[in-house]
């Protein structure tokens, strides 16, 4: 089975909850999953030997900057990271009440792609509380398990 790394940033706890749901789904399918808070890791994590890398970012408000405060350092370090050959997917939480709904998910995905990563799934954008979108989150993760088989 595959080894998966999930690096998430979560200012309110919603993206962490989504990361946990994704991890549970992948583990139930027999994969080994490592989950790390972005504040407790560095860009070097994307050089560790995993079969799939998942980035969880959140967007709140107008988003003047590309990503939320907790993800800034990691996102900045991605500018120079060599992600060639890395299989990667991006998910995150936001609020559909704002014009820039989950825009940080787009920024992180585009940054990863520009550095050579292969995006293996459509971006998952979750509105507010991930528990209200649990079925969609688990379905997205289940689709990843098919890619890992």
N, C-alpha and C. Protein backbone atom coordinates (compact mmCIF):
# COMPACT_ATOMS: atom_id res chain seq x y z
N UNK A 1 0.82 -1.19 0.00
CA UNK A 1 0.00 0.00 0.00
C UNK A 1 0.87 1.25 0.00
N UNK A 2 0.24 2.38 -0.29
CA UNK A 2 0.96 3.63 -0.48
C UNK A 2 1.19 4.38 0.83
N UNK A 3 2.19 5.27 0.78
CA UNK A 3 2.49 6.18 1.88
C UNK A 3 2.05 7.57 1.46
N UNK A 4 1.26 8.23 2.32
CA UNK A 4 0.69 9.53 2.02
C UNK A 4 1.07 10.52 3.11
N UNK A 5 1.45 11.72 2.69
CA UNK A 5 1.73 12.81 3.62
C UNK A 5 0.67 13.88 3.44
N UNK A 6 0.05 14.29 4.54
CA UNK A 6 -0.89 15.41 4.54
C UNK A 6 -0.27 16.53 5.36
N UNK A 7 -0.05 17.68 4.74
CA UNK A 7 0.42 18.87 5.43
C UNK A 7 -0.73 19.88 5.38
N UNK A 8 -1.22 20.29 6.53
CA UNK A 8 -2.37 21.20 6.56
C UNK A 8 -2.06 22.43 7.40
N UNK A 9 -2.73 23.50 7.06
CA UNK A 9 -2.75 24.71 7.87
C UNK A 9 -4.19 24.97 8.24
N UNK A 10 -4.44 25.32 9.49
CA UNK A 10 -5.83 25.45 9.92
C UNK A 10 -5.93 26.48 11.02
N UNK A 11 -6.39 27.66 10.67
CA UNK A 11 -6.49 28.72 11.66
C UNK A 11 -7.71 28.56 12.56
N UNK A 12 -8.76 27.90 12.07
CA UNK A 12 -9.98 27.74 12.87
C UNK A 12 -10.27 26.30 13.25
N UNK A 13 -9.49 25.36 12.71
CA UNK A 13 -9.71 23.95 13.00
C UNK A 13 -10.46 23.20 11.91
N UNK A 14 -11.07 23.91 10.97
CA UNK A 14 -11.84 23.24 9.92
C UNK A 14 -10.96 22.46 8.95
N UNK A 15 -9.85 23.03 8.52
CA UNK A 15 -8.99 22.32 7.58
C UNK A 15 -8.33 21.13 8.26
N UNK A 16 -8.03 21.25 9.55
CA UNK A 16 -7.51 20.11 10.30
C UNK A 16 -8.55 18.99 10.33
N UNK A 17 -9.80 19.34 10.57
CA UNK A 17 -10.87 18.33 10.61
C UNK A 17 -10.99 17.64 9.25
N UNK A 18 -10.89 18.40 8.17
CA UNK A 18 -10.94 17.82 6.83
C UNK A 18 -9.74 16.91 6.61
N UNK A 19 -8.55 17.33 7.04
CA UNK A 19 -7.35 16.50 6.91
C UNK A 19 -7.53 15.19 7.65
N UNK A 20 -8.12 15.25 8.84
CA UNK A 20 -8.34 14.03 9.62
C UNK A 20 -9.32 13.09 8.91
N UNK A 21 -10.37 13.64 8.31
CA UNK A 21 -11.34 12.81 7.57
C UNK A 21 -10.67 12.14 6.38
N UNK A 22 -9.85 12.89 5.68
CA UNK A 22 -9.14 12.34 4.52
C UNK A 22 -8.19 11.24 4.98
N UNK A 23 -7.46 11.50 6.05
CA UNK A 23 -6.52 10.50 6.59
C UNK A 23 -7.26 9.22 6.98
N UNK A 24 -8.38 9.35 7.66
CA UNK A 24 -9.16 8.18 8.08
C UNK A 24 -9.60 7.36 6.88
N UNK A 25 -10.05 8.04 5.83
CA UNK A 25 -10.51 7.34 4.63
C UNK A 25 -9.36 6.59 3.96
N UNK A 26 -8.22 7.24 3.85
CA UNK A 26 -7.05 6.60 3.23
C UNK A 26 -6.54 5.43 4.06
N UNK A 27 -6.53 5.60 5.38
CA UNK A 27 -6.08 4.51 6.25
C UNK A 27 -7.04 3.33 6.20
N UNK A 28 -8.33 3.61 6.11
CA UNK A 28 -9.32 2.53 6.02
C UNK A 28 -9.11 1.72 4.75
N UNK A 29 -8.54 2.34 3.73
CA UNK A 29 -8.24 1.64 2.47
C UNK A 29 -6.89 0.93 2.52
N UNK A 30 -6.20 1.02 3.67
CA UNK A 30 -4.96 0.29 3.85
C UNK A 30 -3.68 1.08 3.62
N UNK A 31 -3.80 2.38 3.39
CA UNK A 31 -2.62 3.21 3.15
C UNK A 31 -2.05 3.72 4.47
N UNK A 32 -0.76 4.01 4.47
CA UNK A 32 -0.10 4.61 5.62
C UNK A 32 -0.15 6.12 5.44
N UNK A 33 -0.65 6.82 6.45
CA UNK A 33 -0.84 8.27 6.33
C UNK A 33 -0.13 8.98 7.48
N UNK A 34 0.63 10.01 7.13
CA UNK A 34 1.27 10.89 8.10
C UNK A 34 0.62 12.25 7.96
N UNK A 35 0.14 12.80 9.08
CA UNK A 35 -0.53 14.11 9.07
C UNK A 35 0.31 15.08 9.88
N UNK A 36 0.63 16.23 9.27
CA UNK A 36 1.45 17.24 9.95
C UNK A 36 0.83 18.63 9.83
N UNK A 37 0.85 19.36 10.92
CA UNK A 37 0.47 20.77 10.91
C UNK A 37 1.58 21.54 10.21
N UNK A 38 1.22 22.44 9.31
CA UNK A 38 2.22 23.19 8.55
C UNK A 38 3.15 23.99 9.47
N UNK A 39 2.67 24.35 10.65
CA UNK A 39 3.50 25.11 11.59
C UNK A 39 4.58 24.24 12.23
N UNK A 40 4.43 22.92 12.11
CA UNK A 40 5.38 22.00 12.72
C UNK A 40 6.24 21.27 11.69
N UNK A 41 6.28 21.77 10.45
CA UNK A 41 7.07 21.11 9.42
C UNK A 41 7.69 22.17 8.50
N UNK A 42 8.52 21.71 7.60
CA UNK A 42 9.15 22.60 6.63
C UNK A 42 8.92 22.05 5.24
N UNK A 43 9.33 22.80 4.25
CA UNK A 43 9.20 22.39 2.86
C UNK A 43 9.96 21.09 2.59
N UNK A 44 10.95 20.78 3.40
CA UNK A 44 11.71 19.53 3.24
C UNK A 44 10.81 18.30 3.31
N UNK A 45 9.64 18.44 3.93
CA UNK A 45 8.70 17.32 4.00
C UNK A 45 8.28 16.85 2.61
N UNK A 46 8.28 17.75 1.65
CA UNK A 46 7.89 17.38 0.29
C UNK A 46 9.01 16.67 -0.46
N UNK A 47 10.14 16.48 0.21
CA UNK A 47 11.24 15.69 -0.36
C UNK A 47 11.32 14.32 0.30
N UNK A 48 10.53 14.09 1.32
CA UNK A 48 10.52 12.80 1.99
C UNK A 48 9.84 11.77 1.08
N UNK A 49 10.16 10.49 1.27
CA UNK A 49 9.66 9.45 0.35
C UNK A 49 8.20 9.05 0.61
N UNK A 50 7.29 9.78 -0.01
CA UNK A 50 5.87 9.46 0.04
C UNK A 50 5.38 9.24 -1.39
N UNK A 51 4.32 8.47 -1.52
CA UNK A 51 3.74 8.21 -2.83
C UNK A 51 2.79 9.32 -3.25
N UNK A 52 2.23 10.02 -2.27
CA UNK A 52 1.29 11.10 -2.53
C UNK A 52 1.43 12.16 -1.45
N UNK A 53 1.35 13.42 -1.86
CA UNK A 53 1.44 14.55 -0.94
C UNK A 53 0.13 15.33 -1.05
N UNK A 54 -0.50 15.60 0.08
CA UNK A 54 -1.73 16.38 0.11
C UNK A 54 -1.49 17.65 0.90
N UNK A 55 -1.90 18.77 0.33
CA UNK A 55 -1.76 20.06 1.01
C UNK A 55 -3.14 20.57 1.36
N UNK A 56 -3.34 20.89 2.63
CA UNK A 56 -4.61 21.43 3.09
C UNK A 56 -4.43 22.87 3.52
N UNK A 57 -5.12 23.78 2.83
CA UNK A 57 -4.99 25.22 3.13
C UNK A 57 -6.38 25.80 3.36
N UNK A 58 -6.43 26.90 4.08
CA UNK A 58 -7.72 27.52 4.34
C UNK A 58 -7.74 28.95 3.80
N UNK A 59 -8.94 29.41 3.52
CA UNK A 59 -9.15 30.78 3.03
C UNK A 59 -10.27 31.40 3.84
N UNK A 60 -10.01 32.54 4.42
CA UNK A 60 -11.05 33.26 5.13
C UNK A 60 -11.01 34.72 4.71
N UNK A 61 -12.14 35.33 4.58
CA UNK A 61 -12.23 36.74 4.27
C UNK A 61 -11.82 37.07 2.85
N UNK A 62 -11.32 38.25 2.68
CA UNK A 62 -11.01 38.77 1.35
C UNK A 62 -9.72 38.21 0.78
N UNK A 63 -8.86 37.69 1.60
CA UNK A 63 -7.58 37.12 1.19
C UNK A 63 -6.77 38.09 0.35
N UNK A 64 -6.18 39.06 1.00
CA UNK A 64 -5.29 39.98 0.31
C UNK A 64 -4.01 39.25 -0.06
N UNK A 65 -3.53 38.42 0.84
CA UNK A 65 -2.35 37.61 0.57
C UNK A 65 -2.79 36.31 -0.08
N UNK A 66 -1.83 35.56 -0.60
CA UNK A 66 -2.17 34.32 -1.29
C UNK A 66 -2.71 33.25 -0.36
N UNK A 67 -2.14 33.11 0.82
CA UNK A 67 -2.58 32.08 1.75
C UNK A 67 -2.70 32.67 3.15
N UNK A 68 -3.35 31.94 4.04
CA UNK A 68 -3.53 32.42 5.40
C UNK A 68 -2.19 32.46 6.14
N UNK A 69 -2.19 33.15 7.24
CA UNK A 69 -0.96 33.43 7.99
C UNK A 69 -0.18 32.15 8.33
N UNK A 70 -0.88 31.11 8.76
CA UNK A 70 -0.19 29.89 9.19
C UNK A 70 0.53 29.19 8.04
N UNK A 71 0.10 29.40 6.80
CA UNK A 71 0.66 28.70 5.65
C UNK A 71 1.72 29.52 4.90
N UNK A 72 1.88 30.79 5.26
CA UNK A 72 2.74 31.70 4.48
C UNK A 72 4.17 31.20 4.30
N UNK A 73 4.81 30.79 5.36
CA UNK A 73 6.21 30.38 5.28
C UNK A 73 6.37 29.17 4.36
N UNK A 74 5.50 28.19 4.50
CA UNK A 74 5.55 26.99 3.68
C UNK A 74 5.29 27.35 2.21
N UNK A 75 4.28 28.17 1.99
CA UNK A 75 3.92 28.59 0.63
C UNK A 75 5.07 29.36 -0.03
N UNK A 76 5.70 30.22 0.73
CA UNK A 76 6.84 30.99 0.22
C UNK A 76 7.99 30.05 -0.15
N UNK A 77 8.26 29.06 0.70
CA UNK A 77 9.34 28.11 0.44
C UNK A 77 9.06 27.26 -0.80
N UNK A 78 7.79 27.09 -1.15
CA UNK A 78 7.45 26.32 -2.35
C UNK A 78 7.92 27.02 -3.62
N UNK A 79 8.18 28.32 -3.56
CA UNK A 79 8.63 29.07 -4.74
C UNK A 79 9.91 28.50 -5.34
N UNK A 80 10.74 27.90 -4.50
CA UNK A 80 12.03 27.39 -4.98
C UNK A 80 12.16 25.87 -4.83
N UNK A 81 11.13 25.21 -4.35
CA UNK A 81 11.19 23.76 -4.16
C UNK A 81 11.12 23.04 -5.50
N UNK A 82 11.88 21.97 -5.63
CA UNK A 82 11.79 21.12 -6.81
C UNK A 82 10.79 20.02 -6.50
N UNK A 83 9.63 20.11 -7.10
CA UNK A 83 8.57 19.13 -6.84
C UNK A 83 8.38 18.19 -8.04
N UNK A 84 9.36 18.17 -8.91
CA UNK A 84 9.30 17.31 -10.09
C UNK A 84 9.07 15.86 -9.68
N UNK A 85 8.08 15.24 -10.30
CA UNK A 85 7.78 13.85 -10.02
C UNK A 85 6.91 13.61 -8.81
N UNK A 86 6.58 14.65 -8.06
CA UNK A 86 5.74 14.48 -6.87
C UNK A 86 4.27 14.44 -7.30
N UNK A 87 3.53 13.46 -6.82
CA UNK A 87 2.08 13.39 -7.02
C UNK A 87 1.45 14.15 -5.87
N UNK A 88 0.59 15.10 -6.19
CA UNK A 88 0.10 16.02 -5.18
C UNK A 88 -1.36 16.37 -5.44
N UNK A 89 -2.09 16.64 -4.37
CA UNK A 89 -3.46 17.13 -4.46
C UNK A 89 -3.65 18.18 -3.37
N UNK A 90 -4.60 19.10 -3.60
CA UNK A 90 -4.80 20.21 -2.67
C UNK A 90 -6.28 20.28 -2.27
N UNK A 91 -6.50 20.53 -0.99
CA UNK A 91 -7.85 20.71 -0.46
C UNK A 91 -7.83 21.86 0.53
N UNK A 92 -9.00 22.36 0.86
CA UNK A 92 -9.05 23.40 1.87
C UNK A 92 -10.46 23.87 2.15
N UNK A 93 -10.56 24.65 3.21
CA UNK A 93 -11.84 25.18 3.65
C UNK A 93 -11.89 26.69 3.44
N UNK A 94 -13.10 27.17 3.23
CA UNK A 94 -13.32 28.59 3.06
C UNK A 94 -14.77 28.91 3.35
N UNK A 95 -15.18 30.09 2.93
CA UNK A 95 -16.54 30.57 3.18
C UNK A 95 -17.09 31.07 1.85
N UNK A 96 -18.12 30.41 1.33
CA UNK A 96 -18.72 30.81 0.05
C UNK A 96 -19.31 32.21 0.09
N UNK A 97 -19.44 32.77 1.27
CA UNK A 97 -19.96 34.12 1.40
C UNK A 97 -18.99 35.18 0.90
N UNK A 98 -17.75 34.79 0.66
CA UNK A 98 -16.73 35.71 0.17
C UNK A 98 -16.44 35.45 -1.30
N UNK A 99 -16.09 36.50 -2.00
CA UNK A 99 -15.80 36.42 -3.43
C UNK A 99 -14.64 35.47 -3.72
N UNK A 100 -13.66 35.43 -2.85
CA UNK A 100 -12.46 34.62 -3.06
C UNK A 100 -12.55 33.26 -2.39
N UNK A 101 -13.69 32.58 -2.54
CA UNK A 101 -13.92 31.29 -1.89
C UNK A 101 -12.79 30.31 -2.20
N UNK A 102 -12.11 29.89 -1.16
CA UNK A 102 -11.04 28.88 -1.23
C UNK A 102 -9.95 29.24 -2.24
N UNK A 103 -9.70 30.52 -2.41
CA UNK A 103 -8.68 30.95 -3.37
C UNK A 103 -7.30 30.44 -2.98
N UNK A 104 -7.03 30.26 -1.71
CA UNK A 104 -5.72 29.75 -1.28
C UNK A 104 -5.49 28.33 -1.81
N UNK A 105 -6.55 27.57 -1.99
CA UNK A 105 -6.42 26.23 -2.57
C UNK A 105 -5.86 26.37 -3.99
N UNK A 106 -6.41 27.32 -4.74
CA UNK A 106 -5.92 27.56 -6.10
C UNK A 106 -4.47 28.02 -6.10
N UNK A 107 -4.13 28.94 -5.21
CA UNK A 107 -2.76 29.45 -5.15
C UNK A 107 -1.77 28.31 -4.84
N UNK A 108 -2.11 27.48 -3.87
CA UNK A 108 -1.20 26.38 -3.50
C UNK A 108 -1.08 25.36 -4.64
N UNK A 109 -2.18 25.05 -5.29
CA UNK A 109 -2.14 24.10 -6.40
C UNK A 109 -1.30 24.63 -7.56
N UNK A 110 -1.50 25.89 -7.89
CA UNK A 110 -0.74 26.48 -9.00
C UNK A 110 0.74 26.60 -8.67
N UNK A 111 1.05 26.93 -7.42
CA UNK A 111 2.45 27.01 -7.01
C UNK A 111 3.09 25.63 -7.14
N UNK A 112 2.41 24.59 -6.66
CA UNK A 112 2.95 23.22 -6.74
C UNK A 112 3.14 22.80 -8.20
N UNK A 113 2.16 23.09 -9.04
CA UNK A 113 2.27 22.73 -10.45
C UNK A 113 3.44 23.47 -11.10
N UNK A 114 3.60 24.73 -10.77
CA UNK A 114 4.68 25.52 -11.38
C UNK A 114 6.06 25.02 -10.97
N UNK A 115 6.13 24.28 -9.86
CA UNK A 115 7.40 23.74 -9.37
C UNK A 115 7.60 22.29 -9.80
N UNK A 116 6.72 21.78 -10.66
CA UNK A 116 6.92 20.46 -11.24
C UNK A 116 6.04 19.35 -10.71
N UNK A 117 5.22 19.61 -9.72
CA UNK A 117 4.35 18.57 -9.17
C UNK A 117 3.27 18.19 -10.19
N UNK A 118 2.84 16.95 -10.12
CA UNK A 118 1.73 16.48 -10.92
C UNK A 118 0.49 16.47 -10.04
N UNK A 119 -0.50 17.28 -10.38
CA UNK A 119 -1.74 17.32 -9.61
C UNK A 119 -2.60 16.15 -10.05
N UNK A 120 -2.92 15.27 -9.10
CA UNK A 120 -3.57 14.01 -9.44
C UNK A 120 -5.07 14.00 -9.16
N UNK A 121 -5.59 15.10 -8.65
CA UNK A 121 -7.03 15.17 -8.34
C UNK A 121 -7.50 16.60 -8.49
N UNK A 122 -8.78 16.74 -8.72
CA UNK A 122 -9.39 18.07 -8.75
C UNK A 122 -9.27 18.69 -7.35
N UNK A 123 -9.12 19.97 -7.30
CA UNK A 123 -9.02 20.67 -6.01
C UNK A 123 -10.31 20.49 -5.23
N UNK A 124 -10.19 20.18 -3.96
CA UNK A 124 -11.36 20.03 -3.09
C UNK A 124 -11.54 21.31 -2.30
N UNK A 125 -12.66 21.98 -2.53
CA UNK A 125 -12.99 23.22 -1.83
C UNK A 125 -14.21 22.98 -0.94
N UNK A 126 -14.01 23.19 0.35
CA UNK A 126 -15.02 22.87 1.36
C UNK A 126 -15.57 24.16 1.95
N UNK A 127 -16.89 24.29 1.97
CA UNK A 127 -17.53 25.46 2.53
C UNK A 127 -17.72 25.30 4.04
N UNK A 128 -17.02 26.16 4.79
CA UNK A 128 -17.16 26.24 6.25
C UNK A 128 -16.88 24.91 6.95
N UNK A 129 -17.81 24.42 7.74
CA UNK A 129 -17.61 23.25 8.59
C UNK A 129 -17.51 21.98 7.74
N UNK A 130 -16.37 21.31 7.76
CA UNK A 130 -16.21 20.11 6.94
C UNK A 130 -17.14 18.96 7.32
N UNK A 131 -17.64 18.96 8.54
CA UNK A 131 -18.57 17.88 8.93
C UNK A 131 -19.84 17.92 8.09
N UNK A 132 -20.19 19.11 7.59
CA UNK A 132 -21.38 19.23 6.74
C UNK A 132 -21.10 18.75 5.31
N UNK A 133 -19.84 18.56 4.99
CA UNK A 133 -19.43 18.09 3.67
C UNK A 133 -18.70 16.76 3.76
N UNK A 134 -18.93 16.02 4.83
CA UNK A 134 -18.18 14.78 5.09
C UNK A 134 -18.27 13.79 3.94
N UNK A 135 -19.44 13.64 3.35
CA UNK A 135 -19.59 12.69 2.25
C UNK A 135 -18.72 13.08 1.06
N UNK A 136 -18.71 14.36 0.72
CA UNK A 136 -17.91 14.84 -0.42
C UNK A 136 -16.42 14.70 -0.12
N UNK A 137 -16.02 14.96 1.11
CA UNK A 137 -14.61 14.84 1.50
C UNK A 137 -14.17 13.38 1.42
N UNK A 138 -14.97 12.51 1.96
CA UNK A 138 -14.62 11.08 1.92
C UNK A 138 -14.62 10.54 0.49
N UNK A 139 -15.53 11.03 -0.34
CA UNK A 139 -15.56 10.59 -1.75
C UNK A 139 -14.29 11.05 -2.46
N UNK A 140 -13.84 12.27 -2.19
CA UNK A 140 -12.61 12.80 -2.80
C UNK A 140 -11.42 11.93 -2.38
N UNK A 141 -11.36 11.62 -1.09
CA UNK A 141 -10.27 10.78 -0.58
C UNK A 141 -10.36 9.37 -1.16
N UNK A 142 -11.56 8.86 -1.28
CA UNK A 142 -11.74 7.52 -1.86
C UNK A 142 -11.25 7.48 -3.30
N UNK A 143 -11.49 8.55 -4.04
CA UNK A 143 -10.98 8.63 -5.41
C UNK A 143 -9.45 8.60 -5.43
N UNK A 144 -8.82 9.18 -4.43
CA UNK A 144 -7.37 9.13 -4.33
C UNK A 144 -6.89 7.70 -4.12
N UNK A 145 -7.65 6.91 -3.38
CA UNK A 145 -7.23 5.53 -3.13
C UNK A 145 -7.18 4.75 -4.43
N UNK A 146 -8.08 5.04 -5.36
CA UNK A 146 -8.05 4.39 -6.66
C UNK A 146 -6.79 4.73 -7.42
N UNK A 147 -6.32 5.96 -7.29
CA UNK A 147 -5.11 6.40 -7.96
C UNK A 147 -3.87 5.74 -7.33
N UNK A 148 -3.97 5.39 -6.07
CA UNK A 148 -2.83 4.81 -5.36
C UNK A 148 -2.73 3.29 -5.51
N UNK A 149 -3.79 2.69 -6.00
CA UNK A 149 -3.80 1.21 -6.10
C UNK A 149 -2.78 0.70 -7.10
